[in-house]
Amino acid sequence: MSSGARVFSWLVGLSILLLVADAAAERPVVRFAVVIGNNHSERSDTRSLRYADDDAVAMHQLLDEAGVESALFVNLDSESRNLYPGLAASGRPRWSALRARLARLEDRIRAAERAGAATTLLLFYSGHGDVAHGEGYVELEDARLTRTLLRREILERTSADEVHLVIDACRSYFLAFEKGAGGKRRRAAAAPLVDSGRTRARTGYILSTSSDRDSHEWEAFQGGIFSHEVRSALRGAADADQDGSVTYAELGAFLTVANGGIRNARFRPDFVVRPPGDLSDELLRWQGRGAQTLLLDRPEQGHMILEGPTGERLLDVHPAEGQELLLRLPARRPLFLRQSGGDREFAITEPDGDLRLSALSDGRVRVASKGALHLAFRQLFSSPFSGLDVARYRHAVMSSSVVMGERARARADVAAERDTGGGRVVMRRIAGVTAIAAGVAAAGLGGWAIERSIAAESADQVRRESLNGTVEDARTAAGISLGVAAGTALVYWLLRDGDDDESGRLTLSPTTGVNGMAVSGAW
């Protein structure tokens, strides 16, 4: 074969490989979701949530508009039933109903894969969560969805190519990651929810990490803070490159920026963001032209709020100057877009057609704000968001070994110790008290021995022998006490609060970065 023929054959082979790679890259993705909301707790001493059911409905509607096949499990309260009169749920938030639907859903996933599609499964939960017997769980009406149950009955059974867990619940961290010895949680990198290599590699986590505190709900959002922020991100407020896809990098950066304005760390939400592979993994891509879009193209727009026809708050967005964002609008009309704290709003009445903010006419706000809003939560979304924040977030993730926000880490450790009866703390306190008491006793006995030795030097022979025996006993007792003090002091040091297997913590300023696995909302 001539050299020219060989070159031609090589080029043909390369072209075939490129065509095959391009065809593989264009493999369609079929997305499925299970959305759960449960206001009520099994514990009589725990206050019911007000908006967990609303958060589930809002997420279900968003996913449906984005082309996701979503199943909703919720038991609406009377207020929510008035808001969603025609809503058809797949069932109540019960394990019996959920398990039956998951079995049917698995048939749909396998059928899509046989047709040549890639598949994803998104599991969203809003409600109560806690830890018992060293294991995290969230509450359903008839059972606890524990970490073990989630792993064995959902993650290990599904054949979906990727699974995304979005959990808005107290102490949600422990639903995905285990606690280590002594009740301390382990590093997220070392303690995946599922140990199976394939399952671990395909599972992503987005957790509200509220530790032992109540879930954050805010009446202004008519929902959970974390859930509202995630929905805002998915509707395009985090889509910095406007490609219709929201990646883990974009979501993590958006959450960090959105919460950055809260100066009081007690109120600043913490969260965990860990992709199944890397930060470029998609959490959601809007399919086709299913949703009307609104391009935010006015430089002075600032923090803006989108509301629905009944006043429900659909999203918050705050583009940085020069950053355009493309929002995906729900089908309900009219919609109202207004500047936070301003007195002007834009009414959106057109049922279709892509819109530009610069082409809309504004008017005066219909209803002024009423009531005293929580000052801390009013600082949400005060920082503008842009593609530069995504780049900063990615850099922080890649350069840091941090796996959890400092405040969330401390709360999680305290919560874990409390759940195991606080044994480690109690032992440390006992060791400390014993060390101090033994040290005092050793010092006292040593001083008394010295005093007896001085007295023996001036005493007669008989008295001197008696005193010397007493001195020897005192010295022996002092030595024993000193040994006890040293031993218990060592135990106290070994049980110190600062021990941790998470070496290499890094706090960045102005951002707090994470290792693609956990994120603090603190700036």
Protein backbone atom coordinates (compact mmCIF):
# COMPACT_ATOMS: atom_id res chain seq x y z
CA MET A 1 0.00 0.00 0.00
CA SER A 2 1.37 3.42 -0.94
CA SER A 3 2.01 6.09 1.66
CA GLY A 4 -0.84 8.15 0.21
CA ALA A 5 -3.25 5.23 0.56
CA ARG A 6 -2.13 4.66 4.13
CA VAL A 7 -2.71 8.31 4.96
CA PHE A 8 -6.15 8.13 3.34
CA SER A 9 -7.05 4.99 5.31
CA TRP A 10 -5.86 6.62 8.53
CA LEU A 11 -8.01 9.69 7.88
CA VAL A 12 -11.07 7.53 7.11
CA GLY A 13 -10.55 5.57 10.34
CA LEU A 14 -10.15 8.78 12.33
CA SER A 15 -13.33 10.19 10.79
CA ILE A 16 -15.25 7.05 11.76
CA LEU A 17 -13.97 7.29 15.34
CA LEU A 18 -14.98 10.94 15.55
CA LEU A 19 -18.44 10.14 14.18
CA VAL A 20 -18.86 7.36 16.75
CA ALA A 21 -17.67 9.63 19.57
CA ASP A 22 -20.01 12.38 18.41
CA ALA A 23 -22.93 9.95 18.29
CA ALA A 24 -22.12 8.77 21.80
CA ALA A 25 -21.97 12.36 23.01
CA GLU A 26 -25.43 12.98 21.54
CA ARG A 27 -26.97 10.04 23.39
CA PRO A 28 -30.37 11.25 24.59
CA VAL A 29 -30.97 11.57 28.33
CA VAL A 30 -34.28 10.54 29.87
CA ARG A 31 -34.79 11.99 33.34
CA PHE A 32 -36.97 10.64 36.14
CA ALA A 33 -37.73 12.05 39.59
CA VAL A 34 -39.39 11.09 42.85
CA VAL A 35 -40.47 14.13 44.89
CA ILE A 36 -41.55 13.79 48.54
CA GLY A 37 -42.89 16.39 50.97
CA ASN A 38 -44.00 15.71 54.54
CA ASN A 39 -44.92 18.47 57.00
CA HIS A 40 -45.52 16.28 60.03
CA SER A 41 -43.22 14.51 62.47
CA GLU A 42 -43.70 11.21 64.25
CA ARG A 43 -42.57 12.90 67.46
CA SER A 44 -45.16 14.74 69.52
CA ASP A 45 -42.56 17.23 70.78
CA THR A 46 -41.54 18.29 67.25
CA ARG A 47 -43.36 21.16 65.58
CA SER A 48 -44.90 20.44 62.20
CA LEU A 49 -43.40 22.21 59.22
CA ARG A 50 -45.60 24.59 57.27
CA TYR A 51 -44.16 24.52 53.77
CA ALA A 52 -42.57 21.11 53.16
CA ASP A 53 -45.58 20.08 51.06
CA ASP A 54 -45.42 23.35 49.10
CA ASP A 55 -41.71 22.85 48.43
CA ALA A 56 -42.41 19.39 47.05
CA VAL A 57 -45.20 20.64 44.78
CA ALA A 58 -43.06 23.51 43.48
CA MET A 59 -40.14 21.17 42.74
CA HIS A 60 -42.45 18.65 41.05
CA GLN A 61 -43.94 21.35 38.82
CA LEU A 62 -40.51 22.71 37.90
CA LEU A 63 -39.20 19.26 36.97
CA ASP A 64 -42.32 18.52 34.94
CA GLU A 65 -41.87 21.78 32.99
CA ALA A 66 -38.22 20.82 32.36
CA GLY A 67 -39.26 17.55 30.71
CA VAL A 68 -38.61 15.26 33.70
CA GLU A 69 -41.01 12.37 34.41
CA SER A 70 -41.76 13.21 38.04
CA ALA A 71 -43.81 11.34 40.66
CA LEU A 72 -45.10 13.42 43.60
CA PHE A 73 -45.76 12.02 47.07
CA VAL A 74 -47.43 14.57 49.33
CA ASN A 75 -50.37 15.09 51.68
CA LEU A 76 -51.38 18.73 51.24
CA ASP A 77 -52.61 20.80 54.16
CA SER A 78 -55.72 22.92 53.74
CA GLU A 79 -53.82 26.05 52.66
CA SER A 80 -51.90 24.17 49.99
CA ARG A 81 -55.03 22.46 48.70
CA ASN A 82 -56.48 25.91 48.04
CA LEU A 83 -53.34 26.89 46.12
CA TYR A 84 -53.25 23.72 44.00
CA PRO A 85 -56.88 22.64 43.50
CA GLY A 86 -56.24 20.43 40.47
CA LEU A 87 -53.03 18.82 41.65
CA ALA A 88 -52.79 15.06 41.11
CA ALA A 89 -50.21 13.39 43.36
CA SER A 90 -48.92 9.84 42.92
CA GLY A 91 -49.64 9.11 46.57
CA ARG A 92 -49.09 10.16 50.14
CA PRO A 93 -45.56 10.37 51.57
CA ARG A 94 -45.55 6.76 52.74
CA TRP A 95 -42.93 4.08 52.23
CA SER A 96 -45.56 1.58 51.05
CA ALA A 97 -46.65 3.88 48.21
CA LEU A 98 -43.12 5.00 47.42
CA ARG A 99 -41.77 1.44 47.17
CA ALA A 100 -44.53 0.38 44.77
CA ARG A 101 -43.93 3.41 42.53
CA LEU A 102 -40.16 2.85 42.53
CA ALA A 103 -40.68 -0.69 41.23
CA ARG A 104 -42.77 0.62 38.31
CA LEU A 105 -40.31 3.44 37.74
CA GLU A 106 -37.46 0.95 37.42
CA ASP A 107 -39.30 -0.68 34.51
CA ARG A 108 -39.49 2.74 32.81
CA ILE A 109 -35.77 3.34 33.39
CA ARG A 110 -34.78 -0.03 31.93
CA ALA A 111 -37.02 0.50 28.92
CA ALA A 112 -35.39 3.87 28.22
CA GLU A 113 -31.94 2.30 28.46
CA ARG A 114 -32.91 -0.51 26.07
CA ALA A 115 -33.95 2.22 23.62
CA GLY A 116 -30.43 3.64 23.77
CA ALA A 117 -30.96 6.54 26.19
CA ALA A 118 -28.94 7.55 29.23
CA THR A 119 -31.04 7.83 32.39
CA THR A 120 -30.98 9.88 35.58
CA LEU A 121 -33.04 9.63 38.77
CA LEU A 122 -33.52 12.65 41.04
CA LEU A 123 -34.84 12.07 44.56
CA PHE A 124 -36.11 15.20 46.35
CA TYR A 125 -37.27 15.24 49.97
CA SER A 126 -38.53 18.12 52.11
CA GLY A 127 -39.51 17.48 55.72
CA HIS A 128 -38.16 16.34 59.07
CA GLY A 129 -34.88 14.52 59.54
CA ASP A 130 -32.89 13.24 62.51
CA VAL A 131 -30.34 10.66 63.67
CA ALA A 132 -30.97 7.51 65.70
CA HIS A 133 -28.63 4.63 66.55
CA GLY A 134 -25.83 6.28 64.63
CA GLU A 135 -27.83 6.54 61.39
CA GLY A 136 -29.56 9.44 59.71
CA TYR A 137 -33.14 9.27 58.48
CA VAL A 138 -35.99 11.37 57.14
CA GLU A 139 -39.60 10.88 58.17
CA LEU A 140 -42.40 9.49 56.05
CA GLU A 141 -45.95 9.08 57.32
CA ASP A 142 -45.60 5.35 57.95
CA ALA A 143 -41.86 4.76 58.30
CA ARG A 144 -38.41 6.21 58.59
CA LEU A 145 -36.44 6.39 55.36
CA THR A 146 -33.07 5.57 56.89
CA ARG A 147 -29.64 5.72 55.35
CA THR A 148 -29.62 1.92 55.11
CA LEU A 149 -33.08 1.76 53.55
CA LEU A 150 -32.20 4.46 51.06
CA ARG A 151 -29.06 2.59 50.07
CA ARG A 152 -30.48 -0.92 49.84
CA GLU A 153 -33.97 -0.26 48.47
CA ILE A 154 -33.36 2.69 46.15
CA LEU A 155 -29.73 3.35 45.22
CA GLU A 156 -28.60 -0.25 44.87
CA ARG A 157 -31.77 -1.32 43.05
CA THR A 158 -32.02 1.36 40.40
CA SER A 159 -30.24 0.93 37.10
CA ALA A 160 -30.21 4.69 36.37
CA ASP A 161 -26.87 5.94 35.08
CA GLU A 162 -26.87 8.80 37.61
CA VAL A 163 -28.75 9.46 40.84
CA HIS A 164 -29.12 12.91 42.39
CA LEU A 165 -30.23 13.26 46.04
CA VAL A 166 -31.65 16.67 46.99
CA ILE A 167 -32.58 16.62 50.69
CA ASP A 168 -33.95 19.58 52.65
CA ALA A 169 -34.26 18.32 56.23
CA CYS A 170 -32.70 18.76 59.63
CA ARG A 171 -29.41 16.86 59.95
CA SER A 172 -29.65 15.76 56.34
CA TYR A 173 -25.89 15.20 56.24
CA PHE A 174 -26.29 11.96 58.17
CA LEU A 175 -28.77 10.55 55.67
CA ALA A 176 -25.95 10.41 53.14
CA PHE A 177 -22.79 10.08 55.24
CA GLU A 178 -22.12 7.92 58.26
CA LYS A 179 -20.79 8.80 61.69
CA GLY A 180 -17.37 7.55 62.68
CA ALA A 181 -16.20 6.04 65.94
CA GLY A 182 -17.32 7.84 69.06
CA GLY A 183 -20.30 9.39 67.31
CA LYS A 184 -18.24 11.77 65.16
CA ARG A 185 -19.13 12.06 61.52
CA ARG A 186 -16.44 11.04 59.06
CA ARG A 187 -15.09 13.00 56.15
CA ALA A 188 -17.50 13.02 53.26
CA ALA A 189 -14.74 11.80 50.97
CA ALA A 190 -14.14 8.75 53.15
CA ALA A 191 -17.72 7.90 54.07
CA PRO A 192 -19.92 7.55 50.98
CA LEU A 193 -23.51 6.55 51.44
CA VAL A 194 -22.95 3.49 49.29
CA ASP A 195 -19.70 1.53 49.34
CA SER A 196 -20.30 -0.14 45.97
CA GLY A 197 -17.93 1.43 43.46
CA ARG A 198 -20.48 1.86 40.65
CA THR A 199 -23.18 3.24 42.93
CA ARG A 200 -20.81 5.64 44.65
CA ALA A 201 -19.51 6.95 41.32
CA ARG A 202 -22.99 7.68 39.99
CA THR A 203 -24.61 9.29 43.07
CA GLY A 204 -24.58 13.03 43.70
CA TYR A 205 -25.63 14.77 46.92
CA ILE A 206 -27.20 18.19 47.52
CA LEU A 207 -27.99 18.44 51.22
CA SER A 208 -29.23 21.27 53.43
CA THR A 209 -26.96 20.15 56.33
CA SER A 210 -29.04 21.77 59.04
CA SER A 211 -27.48 19.50 61.66
CA ASP A 212 -29.57 19.41 64.85
CA ARG A 213 -31.38 22.68 64.13
CA ASP A 214 -34.89 23.11 62.74
CA SER A 215 -35.17 23.36 58.98
CA HIS A 216 -35.12 26.97 57.83
CA GLU A 217 -38.53 28.09 56.61
CA TRP A 218 -39.31 31.70 55.79
CA GLU A 219 -42.80 33.03 55.24
CA ALA A 220 -41.55 35.47 52.61
CA PHE A 221 -40.48 32.46 50.50
CA GLN A 222 -43.54 30.42 51.53
CA GLY A 223 -41.10 27.54 51.69
CA GLY A 224 -37.81 26.27 52.96
CA ILE A 225 -34.86 28.56 52.37
CA PHE A 226 -32.71 25.81 50.89
CA SER A 227 -35.46 24.42 48.66
CA HIS A 228 -36.27 27.89 47.34
CA GLU A 229 -32.62 28.56 46.55
CA VAL A 230 -32.27 25.25 44.68
CA ARG A 231 -35.41 25.95 42.65
CA SER A 232 -34.19 29.46 41.84
CA ALA A 233 -30.92 27.98 40.61
CA LEU A 234 -32.66 25.36 38.47
CA ARG A 235 -34.91 27.96 36.80
CA GLY A 236 -31.82 29.66 35.42
CA ALA A 237 -30.62 31.96 38.21
CA ALA A 238 -27.45 29.80 38.45
CA ASP A 239 -27.07 29.10 34.71
CA ALA A 240 -24.16 31.46 34.19
CA ASP A 241 -23.41 30.32 30.63
CA GLN A 242 -27.12 30.28 29.63
CA ASP A 243 -26.90 26.84 28.02
CA GLY A 244 -30.05 25.47 29.67
CA SER A 245 -28.05 23.17 31.94
CA VAL A 246 -27.38 23.67 35.66
CA THR A 247 -24.21 21.91 36.78
CA TYR A 248 -22.99 21.10 40.27
CA ALA A 249 -20.40 23.86 39.91
CA GLU A 250 -23.04 26.43 39.02
CA LEU A 251 -25.35 25.30 41.82
CA GLY A 252 -22.59 25.28 44.43
CA ALA A 253 -21.41 28.75 43.42
CA PHE A 254 -24.96 30.08 43.36
CA LEU A 255 -25.76 28.79 46.86
CA THR A 256 -22.53 30.23 48.20
CA VAL A 257 -23.24 33.66 46.71
CA ALA A 258 -26.95 33.65 47.64
CA ASN A 259 -26.19 33.09 51.33
CA GLY A 260 -23.07 35.25 51.41
CA GLY A 261 -24.83 38.39 52.59
CA ILE A 262 -25.92 36.93 55.93
CA ARG A 263 -23.31 38.21 58.35
CA ASN A 264 -24.55 36.30 61.40
CA ALA A 265 -23.22 32.75 61.08
CA ARG A 266 -26.08 31.42 63.24
CA PHE A 267 -28.57 32.17 60.47
CA ARG A 268 -26.39 31.46 57.45
CA PRO A 269 -27.49 28.21 55.75
CA ASP A 270 -24.92 25.49 55.29
CA PHE A 271 -25.14 22.93 52.56
CA VAL A 272 -23.38 19.95 50.97
CA VAL A 273 -22.76 19.74 47.23
CA ARG A 274 -21.05 16.60 45.97
CA PRO A 275 -21.31 15.60 42.28
CA PRO A 276 -21.42 11.98 41.16
CA GLY A 277 -18.30 12.54 39.06
CA ASP A 278 -16.97 16.07 38.76
CA LEU A 279 -18.33 19.58 39.03
CA SER A 280 -19.30 19.63 35.35
CA ASP A 281 -21.97 16.99 35.97
CA GLU A 282 -25.47 18.21 35.17
CA LEU A 283 -28.13 18.28 37.83
CA LEU A 284 -30.78 19.33 35.31
CA ARG A 285 -31.00 20.28 31.66
CA TRP A 286 -34.11 21.95 30.26
CA GLN A 287 -35.34 19.85 27.36
CA GLY A 288 -36.28 21.49 24.07
CA ARG A 289 -38.54 24.53 24.10
CA GLY A 290 -40.91 23.41 26.82
CA ALA A 291 -40.66 26.56 28.93
CA GLN A 292 -40.87 30.22 27.99
CA THR A 293 -37.66 32.12 28.69
CA LEU A 294 -36.92 35.60 29.99
CA LEU A 295 -33.51 37.11 29.30
CA LEU A 296 -32.34 39.47 32.06
CA ASP A 297 -30.44 41.99 29.95
CA ARG A 298 -30.69 45.24 31.94
CA PRO A 299 -27.50 46.28 33.76
CA GLU A 300 -29.34 47.99 36.63
CA GLN A 301 -31.61 45.06 37.44
CA GLY A 302 -30.02 44.03 40.79
CA HIS A 303 -31.81 41.57 43.08
CA MET A 304 -35.10 40.61 41.46
CA ILE A 305 -38.03 38.44 42.58
CA LEU A 306 -40.40 36.50 40.34
CA GLU A 307 -43.91 35.90 41.71
CA GLY A 308 -46.85 33.87 40.43
CA PRO A 309 -50.48 34.93 39.93
CA THR A 310 -51.44 34.07 43.52
CA GLY A 311 -48.42 35.83 44.99
CA GLU A 312 -46.26 32.72 45.43
CA ARG A 313 -42.55 33.47 45.25
CA LEU A 314 -41.11 31.47 42.36
CA LEU A 315 -37.46 32.50 42.36
CA ASP A 316 -34.88 35.06 43.44
CA VAL A 317 -32.09 36.15 41.12
CA HIS A 318 -29.30 38.72 41.42
CA PRO A 319 -27.11 38.96 38.31
CA ALA A 320 -23.80 40.77 38.62
CA GLU A 321 -23.35 43.85 36.46
CA GLY A 322 -22.77 42.72 32.88
CA GLN A 323 -24.00 39.17 33.58
CA GLU A 324 -27.05 38.16 31.57
CA LEU A 325 -29.14 35.23 32.79
CA LEU A 326 -31.85 33.27 31.01
CA LEU A 327 -34.78 32.34 33.27
CA ARG A 328 -37.21 29.50 32.58
CA LEU A 329 -40.74 30.67 33.32
CA PRO A 330 -43.67 28.57 34.53
CA ALA A 331 -46.80 28.42 32.38
CA ARG A 332 -49.08 30.22 34.85
CA ARG A 333 -50.02 33.82 34.04
CA PRO A 334 -49.72 36.57 34.94
CA LEU A 335 -46.22 36.61 36.43
CA PHE A 336 -44.67 39.58 38.18
CA LEU A 337 -40.98 40.44 38.29
CA ARG A 338 -39.96 43.14 40.74
CA GLN A 339 -36.82 44.57 42.22
CA SER A 340 -36.26 43.65 45.86
CA GLY A 341 -36.98 46.69 47.99
CA GLY A 342 -38.11 48.69 44.97
CA ASP A 343 -41.52 50.07 44.04
CA ARG A 344 -41.61 49.01 40.38
CA GLU A 345 -42.52 45.67 38.82
CA PHE A 346 -42.79 44.07 35.38
CA ALA A 347 -45.96 42.18 34.49
CA ILE A 348 -45.57 39.15 32.22
CA THR A 349 -48.82 38.21 30.50
CA GLU A 350 -47.65 36.72 27.19
CA PRO A 351 -48.27 32.95 27.22
CA ASP A 352 -45.46 32.12 24.80
CA GLY A 353 -42.52 33.58 22.98
CA ASP A 354 -39.12 34.33 24.47
CA LEU A 355 -38.91 37.64 26.33
CA ARG A 356 -36.27 40.21 27.14
CA LEU A 357 -36.40 42.30 30.30
CA SER A 358 -35.30 45.38 28.34
CA ALA A 359 -38.46 45.09 26.21
CA LEU A 360 -40.89 44.89 29.14
CA SER A 361 -42.65 47.95 30.51
CA ASP A 362 -42.76 48.39 34.25
CA GLY A 363 -45.39 49.73 36.63
CA ARG A 364 -45.87 50.39 40.30
CA VAL A 365 -45.79 47.43 42.70
CA ARG A 366 -49.29 46.10 43.42
CA VAL A 367 -48.91 45.51 47.15
CA ALA A 368 -46.31 46.94 49.48
CA SER A 369 -44.40 44.64 51.83
CA LYS A 370 -46.15 44.10 55.08
CA GLY A 371 -44.96 42.87 58.44
CA ALA A 372 -41.46 42.69 59.88
CA LEU A 373 -39.29 40.38 57.79
CA HIS A 374 -36.50 38.49 59.44
CA LEU A 375 -33.50 40.82 59.14
CA ALA A 376 -31.05 38.00 58.61
CA PHE A 377 -33.05 36.36 55.83
CA ARG A 378 -33.53 39.72 54.10
CA GLN A 379 -29.81 39.59 53.43
CA LEU A 380 -30.26 36.53 51.21
CA PHE A 381 -29.34 37.15 47.56
CA SER A 382 -27.73 40.48 48.46
CA SER A 383 -24.55 39.54 46.56
CA PRO A 384 -24.66 39.55 42.75
CA PHE A 385 -23.97 36.29 40.89
CA SER A 386 -21.95 35.81 37.70
CA GLY A 387 -19.91 33.28 35.78
CA LEU A 388 -16.84 34.51 37.65
CA ASP A 389 -18.34 33.10 40.85
CA VAL A 390 -18.59 29.69 39.19
CA ALA A 391 -14.90 29.89 38.27
CA ARG A 392 -13.99 30.92 41.84
CA TYR A 393 -16.06 28.09 43.25
CA ARG A 394 -14.42 25.50 40.99
CA HIS A 395 -10.97 26.82 41.92
CA ALA A 396 -11.79 26.67 45.63
CA VAL A 397 -13.11 23.14 45.28
CA MET A 398 -10.11 21.88 43.34
CA SER A 399 -7.55 23.50 45.65
CA SER A 400 -9.13 22.72 49.00
CA SER A 401 -9.60 19.55 51.04
CA VAL A 402 -12.48 21.10 52.94
CA VAL A 403 -15.52 18.82 52.96
CA MET A 404 -17.93 20.77 55.11
CA GLY A 405 -18.53 24.30 56.36
CA GLU A 406 -16.86 24.97 59.71
CA ARG A 407 -20.13 25.81 61.44
CA ALA A 408 -21.98 22.82 59.99
CA ARG A 409 -19.06 20.55 60.92
CA ALA A 410 -19.12 21.72 64.52
CA ARG A 411 -22.90 21.35 64.76
CA ALA A 412 -22.77 17.90 63.21
CA ASP A 413 -20.14 16.76 65.71
CA VAL A 414 -22.12 18.13 68.64
CA ALA A 415 -25.28 16.50 67.33
CA ALA A 416 -23.52 13.18 66.86
CA GLU A 417 -22.12 13.25 70.38
CA ARG A 418 -25.52 14.10 71.80
CA ASP A 419 -27.15 11.23 69.89
CA THR A 420 -24.76 8.71 71.45
CA GLY A 421 -25.49 9.96 74.95
CA GLY A 422 -22.58 12.39 75.07
CA GLY A 423 -20.32 9.59 76.37
CA ARG A 424 -17.14 11.05 74.94
CA VAL A 425 -17.82 14.43 76.47
CA VAL A 426 -18.70 12.90 79.84
CA MET A 427 -15.55 10.75 79.85
CA ARG A 428 -13.44 13.78 79.06
CA ARG A 429 -14.96 15.76 81.91
CA ILE A 430 -14.45 12.89 84.35
CA ALA A 431 -10.84 12.56 83.24
CA GLY A 432 -10.28 16.28 83.70
CA VAL A 433 -11.79 16.38 87.19
CA THR A 434 -9.84 13.26 88.23
CA ALA A 435 -6.58 14.71 86.93
CA ILE A 436 -7.10 17.93 88.88
CA ALA A 437 -8.10 16.12 92.09
CA ALA A 438 -5.19 13.69 91.86
CA GLY A 439 -2.79 16.54 91.18
CA VAL A 440 -4.04 18.46 94.22
CA ALA A 441 -3.74 15.33 96.37
CA ALA A 442 -0.19 14.69 95.15
CA ALA A 443 0.82 18.25 95.93
CA GLY A 444 -0.76 18.09 99.40
CA LEU A 445 0.86 14.77 100.29
CA GLY A 446 4.20 15.96 98.97
CA GLY A 447 4.04 19.11 101.08
CA TRP A 448 3.05 17.13 104.17
CA ALA A 449 5.96 14.69 103.60
CA ILE A 450 8.40 17.60 103.46
CA GLU A 451 6.96 19.06 106.67
CA ARG A 452 7.31 15.67 108.48
CA SER A 453 10.91 15.31 107.22
CA ILE A 454 11.84 18.69 108.72
CA ALA A 455 10.19 17.76 112.02
CA ALA A 456 12.06 14.43 112.13
CA GLU A 457 15.46 16.13 111.99
CA SER A 458 14.93 17.81 115.40
CA ALA A 459 13.09 14.92 117.11
CA ASP A 460 14.53 12.21 119.39
CA GLN A 461 15.43 8.76 118.05
CA VAL A 462 12.08 7.07 118.75
CA ARG A 463 10.06 10.01 117.43
CA ARG A 464 12.33 10.26 114.38
CA GLU A 465 11.72 6.64 113.37
CA SER A 466 7.96 7.14 113.65
CA LEU A 467 8.06 10.31 111.59
CA ASN A 468 10.29 8.71 108.92
CA GLY A 469 7.73 5.91 108.46
CA THR A 470 4.98 8.49 108.04
CA VAL A 471 7.11 10.43 105.53
CA GLU A 472 7.72 7.26 103.49
CA ASP A 473 3.99 6.49 103.38
CA ALA A 474 3.20 10.07 102.36
CA ARG A 475 5.77 9.98 99.57
CA THR A 476 4.36 6.70 98.24
CA ALA A 477 0.83 8.09 98.30
CA ALA A 478 2.01 11.28 96.61
CA GLY A 479 3.71 9.26 93.88
CA ILE A 480 0.56 7.24 93.25
CA SER A 481 -1.55 10.40 93.10
CA LEU A 482 0.92 11.99 90.72
CA GLY A 483 0.74 8.93 88.47
CA VAL A 484 -3.05 9.03 88.49
CA ALA A 485 -2.98 12.74 87.64
CA ALA A 486 -0.60 12.14 84.74
CA GLY A 487 -2.64 9.22 83.40
CA THR A 488 -6.00 10.96 83.54
CA ALA A 489 -4.47 14.12 82.06
CA LEU A 490 -3.32 11.99 79.12
CA VAL A 491 -6.84 10.59 78.72
CA TYR A 492 -8.24 14.14 78.87
CA TRP A 493 -5.83 15.21 76.12
CA LEU A 494 -6.73 12.24 73.92
CA LEU A 495 -10.43 13.08 74.28
CA ARG A 496 -9.92 16.77 73.53
CA ASP A 497 -12.67 18.51 71.50
CA GLY A 498 -10.34 19.56 68.74
CA ASP A 499 -9.40 16.10 67.49
CA ASP A 500 -10.64 15.41 64.01
CA ASP A 501 -9.77 13.26 61.05
CA GLU A 502 -10.34 16.18 58.72
CA SER A 503 -6.86 17.60 58.50
CA GLY A 504 -6.16 20.28 56.01
CA ARG A 505 -9.22 22.42 56.65
CA LEU A 506 -9.16 25.62 54.67
CA THR A 507 -11.26 28.74 55.13
CA LEU A 508 -11.10 31.00 52.13
CA SER A 509 -11.92 34.67 52.04
CA PRO A 510 -14.17 36.01 50.73
CA THR A 511 -15.40 32.53 49.79
CA THR A 512 -15.50 29.33 51.77
CA GLY A 513 -14.61 26.57 49.34
CA VAL A 514 -15.16 22.86 49.45
CA ASN A 515 -13.92 19.73 47.83
CA GLY A 516 -16.81 19.25 45.46
CA MET A 517 -18.44 17.28 48.23
CA ALA A 518 -19.53 19.76 50.80
CA VAL A 519 -20.01 23.48 50.80
CA SER A 520 -20.47 26.11 53.41
CA GLY A 521 -22.73 28.97 52.50
CA ALA A 522 -20.46 31.26 54.52
CA TRP A 523 -18.51 33.98 52.77
